[in-house]
Amino acid sequence: MDHLKKYLLTIHPTPKDLYEMWKSACETAAKFIAEAKEYYKQRWDKSHMEPYCKEGDQVLVSTLNFHNLKGPRNMRDSFLGPFTIIKLLGKNAVEVKFPEEFSRKHPVFPVSLIKPHFQTEENKFPYRKKPKPPEIVEVEDYPGPVKKIIKARKIRLNCKDHRKYLVRFK
């Protein structure tokens, strides 16, 4: 505001002085507006990044909003996946393809709840043991229909009651 005071030395400023005051005020306002725009642009760019993924990428999804997973929260995995991105919905959301077990879960997530999944190269970790796939029990492997229930007991696993049976087959 000091730049305006030099024009106010007289009681009756001339039109030229008024014009110079107005011009100086406009230049100062334009300078402050440009500085404010730059400040707001920096703040926006700091918190809004371009999505780092594209359609077809493999991502892990945060379990933060998965309330139907078993076990205590601190013992669960932080991320599930990998899942494939079907579609990008703007800059801040993605749609992923879930398997049948998560078919009731809504497949759209914000970018803040996903992270990219990287396949590990086997030659980098030669001594890492691969987990064995679970054994598939064929229907023919069962000995037949149950003839008699010899013993039954109730056990508690993961805060749920389960029944175990000792049976004799025909």
Protein backbone atom coordinates (compact mmCIF):
# COMPACT_ATOMS: atom_id res chain seq x y z
CA MET A 1 0.00 0.00 0.00
CA ASP A 2 3.00 2.30 0.30
CA HIS A 3 3.09 2.66 -3.45
CA LEU A 4 -0.31 4.42 -3.32
CA LYS A 5 0.74 6.98 -0.69
CA LYS A 6 3.03 8.91 -3.02
CA TYR A 7 -0.02 9.90 -5.08
CA LEU A 8 -1.93 11.18 -2.02
CA LEU A 9 0.42 14.07 -1.17
CA THR A 10 -1.98 16.66 -2.49
CA ILE A 11 -5.49 17.35 -1.27
CA HIS A 12 -6.85 17.51 -4.81
CA PRO A 13 -5.11 14.92 -7.01
CA THR A 14 -5.10 15.51 -10.73
CA PRO A 15 -6.69 13.02 -13.15
CA LYS A 16 -3.20 11.94 -14.14
CA ASP A 17 -2.40 11.13 -10.48
CA LEU A 18 -5.68 9.20 -10.15
CA TYR A 19 -4.84 7.25 -13.30
CA GLU A 20 -1.35 6.42 -11.99
CA MET A 21 -2.84 5.31 -8.64
CA TRP A 22 -5.38 3.11 -10.40
CA LYS A 23 -2.72 1.63 -12.71
CA SER A 24 -0.39 0.89 -9.78
CA ALA A 25 -3.22 -0.73 -7.81
CA CYS A 26 -4.14 -2.95 -10.80
CA GLU A 27 -0.52 -4.04 -11.26
CA THR A 28 -0.19 -4.87 -7.56
CA ALA A 29 -3.47 -6.81 -7.55
CA ALA A 30 -2.41 -8.75 -10.67
CA LYS A 31 0.92 -9.61 -9.01
CA PHE A 32 -0.80 -10.88 -5.84
CA ILE A 33 -3.34 -12.88 -7.86
CA ALA A 34 -0.54 -14.53 -9.86
CA GLU A 35 1.30 -15.41 -6.63
CA ALA A 36 -1.89 -16.86 -5.11
CA LYS A 37 -2.54 -18.93 -8.26
CA GLU A 38 0.98 -20.34 -8.13
CA TYR A 39 0.62 -21.15 -4.42
CA TYR A 40 -2.72 -22.94 -4.93
CA LYS A 41 -1.34 -24.83 -7.94
CA GLN A 42 1.59 -26.10 -5.87
CA ARG A 43 -0.75 -27.19 -3.05
CA TRP A 44 -3.09 -28.96 -5.50
CA ASP A 45 -0.29 -30.71 -7.37
CA LYS A 46 1.23 -31.91 -4.10
CA SER A 47 -1.86 -33.90 -3.12
CA HIS A 48 -3.35 -34.80 -6.53
CA MET A 49 -1.08 -37.00 -8.59
CA GLU A 50 -1.68 -38.64 -11.93
CA PRO A 51 -2.72 -42.29 -11.61
CA TYR A 52 0.29 -44.57 -11.79
CA CYS A 53 -1.69 -47.49 -13.21
CA LYS A 54 -3.51 -48.28 -16.42
CA GLU A 55 -6.06 -50.81 -17.62
CA GLY A 56 -4.82 -54.38 -17.42
CA ASP A 57 -2.31 -53.71 -14.60
CA GLN A 58 -2.20 -55.96 -11.55
CA VAL A 59 -2.91 -54.15 -8.25
CA LEU A 60 -3.34 -54.99 -4.60
CA VAL A 61 -6.47 -53.66 -2.85
CA SER A 62 -6.42 -52.42 0.75
CA THR A 63 -8.53 -54.39 3.22
CA LEU A 64 -9.45 -51.22 5.11
CA ASN A 65 -13.11 -51.36 4.04
CA PHE A 66 -13.43 -55.16 3.88
CA HIS A 67 -15.53 -55.88 6.96
CA ASN A 68 -16.43 -59.44 6.01
CA LEU A 69 -12.97 -60.98 6.40
CA LYS A 70 -12.45 -63.47 9.22
CA GLY A 71 -10.11 -63.06 12.16
CA PRO A 72 -8.93 -60.07 14.15
CA ARG A 73 -8.08 -56.95 12.19
CA ASN A 74 -4.45 -56.80 13.27
CA MET A 75 -3.85 -60.38 12.08
CA ARG A 76 -5.35 -59.92 8.60
CA ASP A 77 -3.39 -59.03 5.50
CA SER A 78 -3.26 -55.30 4.78
CA PHE A 79 -3.77 -55.85 1.05
CA LEU A 80 -5.53 -58.50 -1.03
CA GLY A 81 -4.79 -59.46 -4.57
CA PRO A 82 -3.47 -59.21 -7.16
CA PHE A 83 -6.52 -58.09 -9.09
CA THR A 84 -6.69 -56.81 -12.67
CA ILE A 85 -7.82 -53.26 -13.41
CA ILE A 86 -10.79 -53.32 -15.78
CA LYS A 87 -11.32 -49.60 -16.18
CA LEU A 88 -9.99 -46.25 -14.95
CA LEU A 89 -12.82 -44.03 -13.70
CA GLY A 90 -11.32 -40.55 -13.84
CA LYS A 91 -8.03 -39.81 -12.11
CA ASN A 92 -9.03 -40.95 -8.64
CA ALA A 93 -10.86 -44.28 -9.01
CA VAL A 94 -10.38 -47.68 -10.63
CA GLU A 95 -12.60 -50.68 -11.24
CA VAL A 96 -11.03 -54.07 -10.54
CA LYS A 97 -12.06 -57.60 -11.50
CA PHE A 98 -12.85 -59.69 -8.43
CA PRO A 99 -13.00 -63.49 -8.27
CA GLU A 100 -16.23 -65.25 -7.33
CA GLU A 101 -15.53 -65.14 -3.57
CA PHE A 102 -15.67 -61.32 -3.60
CA SER A 103 -18.58 -61.06 -6.03
CA ARG A 104 -20.75 -59.21 -3.50
CA LYS A 105 -18.08 -56.52 -2.93
CA HIS A 106 -18.33 -53.34 -4.98
CA PRO A 107 -15.41 -53.39 -7.48
CA VAL A 108 -14.67 -49.62 -7.62
CA PHE A 109 -11.92 -48.27 -5.35
CA PRO A 110 -10.18 -44.92 -4.94
CA VAL A 111 -6.57 -44.78 -6.05
CA SER A 112 -5.53 -44.21 -2.43
CA LEU A 113 -6.64 -47.76 -1.51
CA ILE A 114 -4.67 -49.60 -4.20
CA LYS A 115 -1.00 -50.19 -4.82
CA PRO A 116 0.77 -51.79 -7.77
CA HIS A 117 1.63 -55.49 -7.66
CA PHE A 118 5.08 -56.47 -8.87
CA GLN A 119 5.90 -60.05 -9.83
CA THR A 120 9.10 -61.23 -8.18
CA GLU A 121 11.69 -62.65 -10.50
CA GLU A 122 12.54 -66.24 -9.65
CA ASN A 123 16.23 -65.82 -10.49
CA LYS A 124 16.58 -63.07 -7.84
CA PHE A 125 15.31 -65.38 -5.10
CA PRO A 126 16.46 -68.90 -6.06
CA TYR A 127 16.07 -70.40 -2.56
CA ARG A 128 12.58 -69.11 -1.90
CA LYS A 129 10.18 -72.00 -1.53
CA LYS A 130 7.00 -71.85 -3.52
CA PRO A 131 3.90 -72.73 -1.52
CA LYS A 132 2.36 -76.04 -2.48
CA PRO A 133 -1.09 -75.77 -4.00
CA PRO A 134 -3.84 -77.27 -1.84
CA GLU A 135 -4.78 -80.84 -2.61
CA ILE A 136 -7.97 -81.23 -4.57
CA VAL A 137 -10.19 -83.94 -3.15
CA GLU A 138 -12.04 -85.82 -5.83
CA VAL A 139 -15.57 -87.02 -5.18
CA GLU A 140 -14.50 -90.60 -5.96
CA ASP A 141 -11.97 -90.49 -3.09
CA TYR A 142 -14.73 -90.68 -0.49
CA PRO A 143 -15.25 -94.25 0.77
CA GLY A 144 -19.00 -94.07 0.32
CA PRO A 145 -22.09 -93.08 2.26
CA VAL A 146 -21.86 -92.74 6.04
CA LYS A 147 -23.03 -95.84 7.90
CA LYS A 148 -22.72 -94.59 11.46
CA ILE A 149 -21.51 -91.53 13.39
CA ILE A 150 -19.21 -92.97 16.03
CA LYS A 151 -18.32 -89.79 17.86
CA ALA A 152 -19.08 -86.07 17.56
CA ARG A 153 -17.47 -83.14 19.29
CA LYS A 154 -17.76 -79.39 19.18
CA ILE A 155 -14.60 -77.26 18.92
CA ARG A 156 -14.09 -73.51 18.79
CA LEU A 157 -11.92 -72.03 16.01
CA ASN A 158 -11.61 -68.32 15.24
CA CYS A 159 -14.40 -67.48 17.70
CA LYS A 160 -16.83 -69.81 15.89
CA ASP A 161 -18.19 -73.20 16.88
CA HIS A 162 -17.41 -76.11 14.56
CA ARG A 163 -18.40 -79.78 14.77
CA LYS A 164 -16.05 -82.66 14.06
CA TYR A 165 -17.35 -86.14 13.39
CA LEU A 166 -15.73 -89.56 13.53
CA VAL A 167 -17.74 -91.71 11.12
CA ARG A 168 -17.86 -95.25 9.79
CA PHE A 169 -18.56 -95.64 6.10
CA LYS A 170 -20.55 -98.43 4.45
